[in-house]
Protein backbone atom coordinates (compact mmCIF):
# COMPACT_ATOMS: atom_id res chain seq x y z
CA MET A 1 -9.49 -23.22 -10.80
CA ILE A 2 -9.81 -23.37 -7.02
CA VAL A 3 -8.90 -20.42 -4.81
CA HIS A 4 -8.49 -21.07 -1.09
CA LEU A 5 -8.97 -18.58 1.71
CA PHE A 6 -8.23 -19.08 5.40
CA THR A 7 -10.80 -18.91 8.15
CA LEU A 8 -10.59 -17.96 11.80
CA PRO A 9 -10.34 -20.18 13.75
CA CYS A 10 -10.54 -22.95 11.12
CA VAL A 11 -7.46 -23.81 9.07
CA ARG A 12 -7.34 -23.32 5.32
CA ASP A 13 -4.64 -23.48 2.68
CA PRO A 14 -1.62 -21.39 3.86
CA MET A 15 -0.86 -20.38 0.28
CA ALA A 16 -4.22 -18.61 -0.04
CA ALA A 17 -2.77 -15.14 0.25
CA ASN A 18 -0.48 -15.68 -2.76
CA GLN A 19 -3.39 -16.61 -5.00
CA ALA A 20 -5.80 -13.94 -3.76
CA LYS A 21 -3.28 -11.13 -4.14
CA GLN A 22 -2.40 -11.71 -7.79
CA LEU A 23 -3.78 -8.74 -9.71
CA SER A 24 -4.58 -8.61 -13.41
CA SER A 25 -2.98 -5.14 -13.62
CA HIS A 26 0.41 -6.73 -12.84
CA LEU A 27 0.58 -8.93 -15.92
CA ALA A 28 3.20 -6.63 -17.49
CA CYS A 29 5.63 -7.20 -14.61
CA HIS A 30 5.15 -10.95 -14.23
CA THR A 31 8.91 -11.49 -14.39
CA LEU A 32 9.32 -9.72 -11.04
CA THR A 33 8.77 -11.43 -7.72
CA GLY A 34 8.18 -10.15 -4.21
CA ILE A 35 10.59 -10.56 -1.34
CA THR A 36 10.40 -13.88 0.51
CA LEU A 37 12.54 -15.92 2.86
CA GLU A 38 14.50 -17.09 -0.18
CA CYS A 39 15.93 -13.57 -0.49
CA LEU A 40 17.40 -13.65 3.02
CA PRO A 41 20.50 -15.38 4.44
CA ARG A 42 19.50 -18.60 6.17
CA ASP A 43 22.59 -18.96 8.34
CA GLY A 44 21.10 -17.25 11.41
CA THR A 45 22.97 -13.98 10.86
CA LEU A 46 19.80 -11.98 10.19
CA GLY A 47 16.91 -11.89 12.63
CA VAL A 48 15.53 -14.15 15.35
CA VAL A 49 13.21 -17.12 14.84
CA ARG A 50 10.22 -17.38 17.21
CA LYS A 51 7.39 -19.89 17.53
CA PHE A 52 3.75 -18.91 18.12
CA SER A 53 0.92 -21.26 19.02
CA LYS A 54 -2.46 -21.03 17.33
CA GLY A 55 -4.36 -17.88 18.34
CA THR A 56 -1.29 -16.15 19.83
CA ASP A 57 -0.77 -12.46 19.07
CA ILE A 58 2.60 -11.77 17.47
CA TRP A 59 2.13 -8.09 18.18
CA LYS A 60 -0.58 -5.87 19.65
CA PRO A 61 -1.72 -2.32 18.75
CA ASN A 62 0.57 -0.54 21.20
CA ASP A 63 3.69 -2.54 20.38
CA ARG A 64 6.55 -0.75 18.64
CA ALA A 65 6.77 -1.04 14.87
CA ASP A 66 10.46 -1.83 15.03
CA ARG A 67 10.82 -5.01 12.96
CA ILE A 68 9.76 -6.82 9.82
CA CYS A 69 8.64 -10.46 9.98
CA PHE A 70 8.61 -13.45 7.63
CA VAL A 71 6.48 -16.56 8.05
CA GLU A 72 8.73 -19.62 8.04
CA SER A 73 5.75 -21.93 8.45
CA GLY A 74 2.08 -21.52 9.29
CA LEU A 75 -0.38 -18.71 8.60
CA VAL A 76 -0.68 -15.22 10.10
CA ALA A 77 -3.48 -12.64 9.92
CA GLU A 78 -3.15 -8.88 10.31
CA ILE A 79 -6.29 -7.58 12.00
CA THR A 80 -7.74 -4.24 12.98
CA GLY A 81 -10.71 -3.36 15.15
CA GLY A 82 -13.87 -2.66 13.20
CA THR A 83 -17.11 -0.94 14.02
CA ARG A 84 -18.86 -1.96 17.23
CA GLY A 85 -15.82 -3.94 18.30
CA ARG A 86 -15.84 -6.34 15.32
CA GLU A 87 -12.45 -7.34 14.00
CA MET A 88 -11.59 -6.80 10.34
CA ILE A 89 -8.96 -8.81 8.46
CA LEU A 90 -6.48 -6.58 6.66
CA ASN A 91 -4.23 -9.24 5.20
CA THR A 92 -3.22 -12.88 5.44
CA ILE A 93 0.39 -14.00 5.24
CA GLY A 94 1.46 -17.49 4.22
CA THR A 95 4.73 -19.39 4.31
CA GLY A 96 7.72 -17.40 3.08
CA GLU A 97 5.89 -14.08 2.95
CA PRO A 98 6.78 -10.84 4.80
CA PHE A 99 4.54 -8.81 7.07
CA GLY A 100 4.88 -5.85 9.40
CA GLU A 101 6.88 -3.75 6.95
CA LEU A 102 6.32 -0.04 7.62
CA CYS A 103 7.97 3.19 6.54
CA PHE A 104 11.59 3.10 7.63
CA CYS A 105 11.50 6.70 8.84
CA ALA A 106 9.52 5.46 11.87
CA GLN A 107 12.70 3.77 13.09
CA GLU A 108 11.43 2.13 16.24
CA LYS A 109 9.28 5.10 17.29
CA GLY A 110 6.04 4.21 15.52
CA LEU A 111 3.37 1.90 16.90
CA ARG A 112 1.62 -0.96 15.12
CA HIS A 113 -2.05 0.05 15.64
CA THR A 114 -3.02 -3.46 14.46
CA VAL A 115 -2.82 -7.05 15.67
CA ALA A 116 -0.82 -9.84 14.03
CA ARG A 117 -2.19 -13.24 15.05
CA ALA A 118 -1.11 -16.79 14.33
CA VAL A 119 -4.09 -18.49 12.67
CA VAL A 120 -2.35 -21.84 13.11
CA ALA A 121 0.83 -22.79 14.96
CA SER A 122 3.45 -20.69 13.17
CA VAL A 123 7.18 -20.07 13.04
CA VAL A 124 8.18 -16.47 12.35
CA LEU A 125 11.51 -14.82 11.55
CA GLN A 126 11.68 -11.33 13.12
CA VAL A 127 14.27 -8.84 11.85
CA LYS A 128 14.87 -5.43 13.38
CA GLN A 129 14.21 -2.62 10.92
CA ARG A 130 17.72 -1.17 11.05
CA GLU A 131 19.30 -4.57 10.39
CA PHE A 132 16.87 -5.22 7.55
CA PHE A 133 17.47 -1.78 6.03
CA ASP A 134 21.24 -2.34 6.11
CA TYR A 135 20.76 -5.72 4.42
CA LEU A 136 18.64 -4.18 1.63
CA GLN A 137 21.30 -1.55 0.97
CA SER A 138 23.90 -4.25 0.45
CA THR A 139 21.77 -6.70 -1.55
CA GLN A 140 20.33 -5.48 -4.86
CA ARG A 141 18.19 -8.58 -5.44
CA ALA A 142 16.47 -8.24 -2.07
CA LEU A 143 15.93 -4.50 -2.54
CA THR A 144 14.28 -5.00 -5.93
CA ALA A 145 12.03 -7.73 -4.53
CA PHE A 146 11.13 -5.57 -1.54
CA ILE A 147 10.09 -2.65 -3.78
CA PHE A 148 7.95 -4.96 -5.91
CA THR A 149 6.29 -6.30 -2.76
CA PHE A 150 5.26 -2.77 -1.82
CA CYS A 151 3.92 -2.11 -5.33
CA GLU A 152 1.88 -5.31 -5.27
CA ARG A 153 0.44 -4.65 -1.82
CA LEU A 154 -0.37 -1.05 -2.65
CA SER A 155 -2.41 -2.25 -5.63
CA ALA A 156 -4.14 -4.82 -3.43
CA ALA A 157 -4.92 -2.12 -0.86
CA GLU A 158 -6.40 0.14 -3.53
CA ARG A 159 -8.67 -2.67 -4.73
CA ARG A 160 -9.68 -3.36 -1.14
CA ILE A 161 -10.61 0.31 -0.72
CA GLU A 162 -12.73 0.07 -3.86
CA VAL A 163 -14.66 -2.78 -2.25
CA LEU A 164 -15.24 -0.85 0.97
CA THR A 165 -16.48 2.26 -0.86
CA HIS A 166 -19.67 0.42 -1.81
CA ARG A 167 -22.35 1.37 0.69
CA ASP A 168 -24.88 -1.22 -0.46
CA ALA A 169 -24.37 -4.81 0.63
CA ASP A 170 -24.59 -6.52 -2.76
CA GLY A 171 -22.16 -4.04 -4.36
CA ARG A 172 -19.61 -4.44 -1.58
CA LEU A 173 -19.89 -8.21 -1.24
CA GLY A 174 -20.07 -8.81 -4.97
CA SER A 175 -16.94 -6.74 -5.57
CA LEU A 176 -15.12 -8.62 -2.84
CA LEU A 177 -16.06 -12.00 -4.35
CA LEU A 178 -14.80 -10.87 -7.75
CA GLN A 179 -11.55 -9.67 -6.22
CA LEU A 180 -10.98 -13.02 -4.52
CA ALA A 181 -11.94 -15.00 -7.62
CA THR A 182 -9.96 -13.06 -10.23
CA THR A 183 -6.36 -13.97 -11.09
CA PRO A 184 -4.04 -12.95 -13.97
CA GLY A 185 -4.97 -14.47 -17.30
CA GLU A 186 -8.03 -16.22 -15.89
CA LYS A 187 -10.90 -16.33 -18.35
CA ALA A 188 -14.37 -15.48 -17.17
CA GLY A 189 -15.98 -18.63 -15.87
CA ARG A 190 -16.77 -20.41 -12.63
CA VAL A 191 -14.20 -20.26 -9.85
CA GLU A 192 -14.25 -22.13 -6.55
CA LEU A 193 -13.55 -20.28 -3.29
CA ARG A 194 -12.99 -22.01 0.03
CA VAL A 195 -14.32 -19.22 2.20
CA ARG A 196 -17.02 -19.01 4.87
CA HIS A 197 -19.60 -16.30 5.45
CA GLU A 198 -17.75 -15.36 8.62
CA ASP A 199 -14.58 -14.71 6.59
CA LEU A 200 -16.47 -12.59 4.07
CA ALA A 201 -18.00 -10.57 6.89
CA GLN A 202 -14.56 -9.75 8.30
CA LEU A 203 -13.07 -8.95 4.91
CA ALA A 204 -15.99 -6.74 3.84
CA ALA A 205 -16.54 -5.09 7.26
CA MET A 206 -20.14 -6.35 7.32
CA SER A 207 -22.16 -8.23 9.88
CA ARG A 208 -22.36 -12.01 9.58
CA SER A 209 -26.15 -11.89 9.20
CA HIS A 210 -25.94 -9.24 6.47
CA VAL A 211 -23.53 -11.41 4.51
CA THR A 212 -25.80 -14.44 4.83
CA VAL A 213 -28.83 -12.52 3.52
CA THR A 214 -26.86 -11.05 0.60
CA MET A 215 -25.28 -14.37 -0.32
CA GLY A 216 -28.74 -15.93 -0.29
CA MET A 217 -29.84 -13.35 -2.85
CA PHE A 218 -26.77 -14.08 -4.99
CA ARG A 219 -27.55 -17.79 -4.85
CA ARG A 220 -31.18 -17.28 -5.89
CA ARG A 221 -29.91 -15.33 -8.90
CA LYS A 222 -27.45 -18.19 -9.62
CA LEU A 223 -24.48 -15.82 -9.31
CA VAL A 224 -22.97 -18.12 -6.68
CA LEU A 225 -23.56 -21.76 -5.84
CA TYR A 226 -22.75 -23.33 -2.47
CA ARG A 227 -23.89 -25.83 0.09
CA ARG A 228 -22.66 -26.83 3.53
CA GLY A 229 -19.32 -28.62 3.47
CA SER A 230 -18.54 -27.76 -0.16
CA PRO A 231 -16.52 -24.99 -1.82
CA MET A 232 -18.36 -21.91 -3.03
CA LEU A 233 -18.69 -21.62 -6.80
CA ILE A 234 -18.58 -18.08 -8.25
CA ASP A 235 -19.95 -17.42 -11.75
CA VAL A 236 -17.53 -14.59 -12.52
CA ALA A 237 -19.16 -13.45 -15.78
CA ALA A 238 -22.68 -13.45 -14.34
CA LEU A 239 -21.63 -11.60 -11.18
CA LYS A 240 -19.77 -8.97 -13.20
CA ALA A 241 -22.80 -8.49 -15.43
CA TYR A 242 -25.08 -8.15 -12.41
CA LEU A 243 -22.88 -5.53 -10.73
CA THR A 244 -22.40 -3.63 -13.98
CA GLY A 245 -26.15 -3.59 -14.58
CA ARG A 246 -26.77 -2.22 -11.10
CA GLN A 247 -24.30 0.60 -11.68
CA ALA A 248 -25.97 1.50 -14.98
CA ASP A 249 -29.46 1.74 -13.46
């Protein structure tokens, strides 16, 4: 199996977020699906469509959190400022997926506190929160899908927090690689990831040089295999065993 992940500023597979977010703990609710553009009316009665060129900010930290967005085409990243001014990727959103959803009690008074940026030229549907809330109240299918989306993203956020709780570099980076490489029903084996060291640094809130050193150690131990211009190969079973052994010591 090959799992793709986007890079900034390079372009990767826009469907990467769908694959990376699938969690093994959600196998019991596989019949449910998250909310997408398919759940919305496509006759122009809901929201406004806007185009954003590559690298353009869709919103900035002090903008009002007054609308939910859906990617019609392209790829969007939600980013926050990290330590020492480094940016950290919170999420990636591919075609059809929603982003910017916040608690409805904010109702146009809250602020974003993050940046949403078009990784490639993107088309985005923006819907004001009140209009979207009214639509959910009148459409059971969309409401159910919206709730499932929150459940799925909450689980993903909890797993992300688990990664960031590791203070040592190999524990944090190893956990992140396993998270990216693991999908429902996937047997332990070797999984390909199309991800650069720069991406891993942003996702793990580590420096680029620290990631390179740690990945070099993983490669020497044959936990990962990679070379310039080729996908990274993760030995899931070996990496799990290594991290488990470290925790037991």
